[in-house]
């Protein structure tokens, strides 16, 4: 069946696409999708965000910014997650045990959960290398893992899992915004 397009219809179609590209709606939808996939992959990895800091950090979607070539948007609160390359503060366990003589010193991997909970609460208060209540203290080490003798935290890989799920959904989001909703 032949399709006939007149010049006016084609101009209208092209104008519709131009308006959609000029709007930040598509980049916002992409940012929200990435954020949702990161949170879902964290939760499906078996980890829980006990304080909520990691979920809050991964749920953050910035405001769309116009660039010379289109739009960009930030996903994830870098001030709350830090960078994967950030090293853990040194000497914090030693300082904690020095201040709490009633708790037997040990490597992280051998600490009782109740002791880890006390330390986590103090880190949320900014002590012993903690960066405050909104900092996702263990996000990168839980994602990448640390199988050193002192720590023994297995990698969960939830960031790559979330990125992979997002990448498979992104073309559909783009198509729906460029061609229009079905």
Protein backbone atom coordinates (compact mmCIF):
# COMPACT_ATOMS: atom_id res chain seq x y z
CA UNK A 1 0.00 0.00 0.00
CA UNK A 2 1.60 3.28 -1.08
CA UNK A 3 1.97 6.08 1.44
CA UNK A 4 1.59 9.64 0.23
CA UNK A 5 3.05 12.51 2.22
CA UNK A 6 2.47 16.08 1.18
CA UNK A 7 4.93 18.84 2.01
CA UNK A 8 2.67 20.42 4.64
CA UNK A 9 2.20 17.10 6.46
CA UNK A 10 5.94 16.45 6.45
CA UNK A 11 6.64 19.95 7.78
CA UNK A 12 4.14 19.38 10.60
CA UNK A 13 5.74 16.02 11.44
CA UNK A 14 9.26 17.51 11.48
CA UNK A 15 8.10 20.46 13.61
CA UNK A 16 6.61 18.01 16.12
CA UNK A 17 9.93 16.19 16.43
CA UNK A 18 11.82 19.49 16.76
CA UNK A 19 9.53 20.60 19.61
CA UNK A 20 10.03 17.28 21.41
CA UNK A 21 13.82 17.58 21.11
CA UNK A 22 13.72 21.17 22.38
CA UNK A 23 11.78 20.06 25.47
CA UNK A 24 13.60 18.61 28.50
CA UNK A 25 10.87 15.97 28.94
CA UNK A 26 12.87 13.17 27.31
CA UNK A 27 16.04 13.74 29.38
CA UNK A 28 13.95 13.89 32.57
CA UNK A 29 12.30 10.58 31.65
CA UNK A 30 15.73 9.05 30.99
CA UNK A 31 17.08 10.36 34.32
CA UNK A 32 14.08 9.00 36.22
CA UNK A 33 14.43 5.63 34.50
CA UNK A 34 18.12 5.34 35.39
CA UNK A 35 17.44 6.30 38.99
CA UNK A 36 14.61 3.76 39.27
CA UNK A 37 16.75 0.98 37.80
CA UNK A 38 19.62 1.75 40.20
CA UNK A 39 17.31 1.60 43.23
CA UNK A 40 15.63 -1.59 41.97
CA UNK A 41 18.98 -3.29 41.39
CA UNK A 42 20.19 -2.30 44.87
CA UNK A 43 17.09 -3.84 46.39
CA UNK A 44 17.20 -6.97 44.22
CA UNK A 45 20.87 -7.52 45.17
CA UNK A 46 19.74 -8.43 48.66
CA UNK A 47 21.07 -5.24 50.24
CA UNK A 48 18.91 -2.97 52.35
CA UNK A 49 19.45 0.71 52.89
CA UNK A 50 18.93 0.69 56.66
CA UNK A 51 19.33 4.43 57.06
CA UNK A 52 17.81 5.20 53.66
CA UNK A 53 20.89 7.21 52.64
CA UNK A 54 21.80 4.97 49.69
CA UNK A 55 18.27 4.92 48.30
CA UNK A 56 18.03 8.71 48.70
CA UNK A 57 21.37 9.15 46.94
CA UNK A 58 20.41 6.88 44.02
CA UNK A 59 16.93 8.43 43.79
CA UNK A 60 18.30 11.92 43.22
CA UNK A 61 17.66 13.26 39.71
CA UNK A 62 18.96 16.75 39.01
CA UNK A 63 17.40 19.47 36.94
CA UNK A 64 17.81 19.22 33.19
CA UNK A 65 20.53 21.49 31.80
CA UNK A 66 20.62 22.82 28.26
CA UNK A 67 23.91 22.24 26.45
CA UNK A 68 25.11 23.31 23.01
CA UNK A 69 24.21 19.87 21.66
CA UNK A 70 21.00 19.11 23.58
CA UNK A 71 20.29 18.31 27.22
CA UNK A 72 22.01 16.67 30.17
CA UNK A 73 20.84 15.60 33.61
CA UNK A 74 22.61 14.29 36.68
CA UNK A 75 21.52 11.09 38.38
CA UNK A 76 22.68 10.18 41.86
CA UNK A 77 23.81 12.52 44.61
CA UNK A 78 27.62 12.51 44.35
CA UNK A 79 27.94 14.41 47.62
CA UNK A 80 26.16 11.49 49.32
CA UNK A 81 27.85 8.62 47.46
CA UNK A 82 31.35 9.92 46.96
CA UNK A 83 33.32 8.35 44.13
CA UNK A 84 34.29 4.69 43.70
CA UNK A 85 37.93 5.78 43.89
CA UNK A 86 37.50 7.47 47.29
CA UNK A 87 39.45 5.54 49.88
CA UNK A 88 37.99 4.68 53.24
CA UNK A 89 39.14 6.85 56.14
CA UNK A 90 42.17 5.35 57.88
CA UNK A 91 42.51 4.64 61.59
CA UNK A 92 38.81 4.95 62.35
CA UNK A 93 38.35 1.47 63.84
CA UNK A 94 41.44 1.94 66.02
CA UNK A 95 40.06 5.27 67.27
CA UNK A 96 36.66 3.70 67.90
CA UNK A 97 38.15 0.85 69.94
CA UNK A 98 40.46 3.25 71.80
CA UNK A 99 37.40 5.26 72.85
CA UNK A 100 35.35 2.15 73.73
CA UNK A 101 37.58 0.04 75.96
CA UNK A 102 34.59 -2.18 76.82
CA UNK A 103 34.43 -3.47 73.21
CA UNK A 104 37.02 -6.05 72.18
CA UNK A 105 39.02 -4.78 69.16
CA UNK A 106 38.72 -6.83 66.00
CA UNK A 107 38.81 -6.60 62.22
CA UNK A 108 35.59 -5.45 60.59
CA UNK A 109 34.74 -8.90 59.35
CA UNK A 110 34.86 -10.33 62.90
CA UNK A 111 32.93 -7.54 64.61
CA UNK A 112 29.58 -8.40 66.16
CA UNK A 113 26.63 -6.89 64.34
CA UNK A 114 25.72 -4.97 67.51
CA UNK A 115 29.18 -3.33 67.48
CA UNK A 116 28.85 -2.52 63.76
CA UNK A 117 25.48 -0.92 64.54
CA UNK A 118 27.00 1.28 67.26
CA UNK A 119 29.81 2.34 64.93
CA UNK A 120 27.37 3.01 62.09
CA UNK A 121 25.27 5.26 64.35
CA UNK A 122 28.35 7.20 65.37
CA UNK A 123 29.46 7.52 61.75
CA UNK A 124 26.02 8.89 60.89
CA UNK A 125 26.73 11.51 63.55
CA UNK A 126 29.99 12.40 61.76
CA UNK A 127 32.37 10.53 64.04
CA UNK A 128 35.00 7.87 63.20
CA UNK A 129 35.26 8.74 59.53
CA UNK A 130 31.53 9.20 59.08
CA UNK A 131 30.31 11.94 56.79
CA UNK A 132 26.91 12.53 58.31
CA UNK A 133 23.43 11.08 58.22
CA UNK A 134 22.87 11.53 54.49
CA UNK A 135 26.12 9.92 53.35
CA UNK A 136 25.79 6.46 51.77
CA UNK A 137 28.74 5.15 53.78
CA UNK A 138 29.09 1.69 52.29
CA UNK A 139 27.58 2.03 48.80
CA UNK A 140 30.75 1.63 46.71
CA UNK A 141 32.31 -1.11 48.80
CA UNK A 142 29.02 -3.03 48.69
CA UNK A 143 28.88 -2.58 44.92
CA UNK A 144 32.54 -3.34 44.13
CA UNK A 145 33.31 -5.56 47.13
CA UNK A 146 36.43 -5.83 49.23
CA UNK A 147 37.68 -9.34 49.83
CA UNK A 148 40.75 -8.25 51.78
CA UNK A 149 41.48 -10.15 54.97
CA UNK A 150 40.25 -7.28 57.14
CA UNK A 151 36.87 -6.73 55.52
CA UNK A 152 35.51 -9.61 53.36
CA UNK A 153 32.59 -7.82 51.74
CA UNK A 154 31.43 -9.58 48.55
CA UNK A 155 30.73 -7.51 45.43
CA UNK A 156 27.05 -7.11 44.61
CA UNK A 157 27.46 -5.30 41.27
CA UNK A 158 24.13 -3.51 41.55
CA UNK A 159 25.34 -0.38 39.74
CA UNK A 160 26.20 -2.28 36.54
CA UNK A 161 23.00 -4.31 36.83
CA UNK A 162 20.97 -1.09 37.04
CA UNK A 163 22.90 0.48 34.14
CA UNK A 164 22.33 -2.60 31.97
CA UNK A 165 18.57 -2.56 32.67
CA UNK A 166 18.45 1.18 31.93
CA UNK A 167 20.37 0.78 28.66
CA UNK A 168 17.86 -1.78 27.45
CA UNK A 169 14.93 0.53 28.27
CA UNK A 170 16.45 3.83 27.04
CA UNK A 171 15.79 3.29 23.30
CA UNK A 172 12.07 2.79 24.02
CA UNK A 173 11.95 5.99 26.07
CA UNK A 174 13.69 7.92 23.30
CA UNK A 175 11.43 6.50 20.61
CA UNK A 176 8.29 7.26 22.58
CA UNK A 177 9.38 10.88 23.06
CA UNK A 178 10.50 11.46 19.49
CA UNK A 179 7.66 9.74 17.69
CA UNK A 180 5.01 10.48 20.28
CA UNK A 181 3.22 8.30 22.74
CA UNK A 182 1.41 5.31 21.31
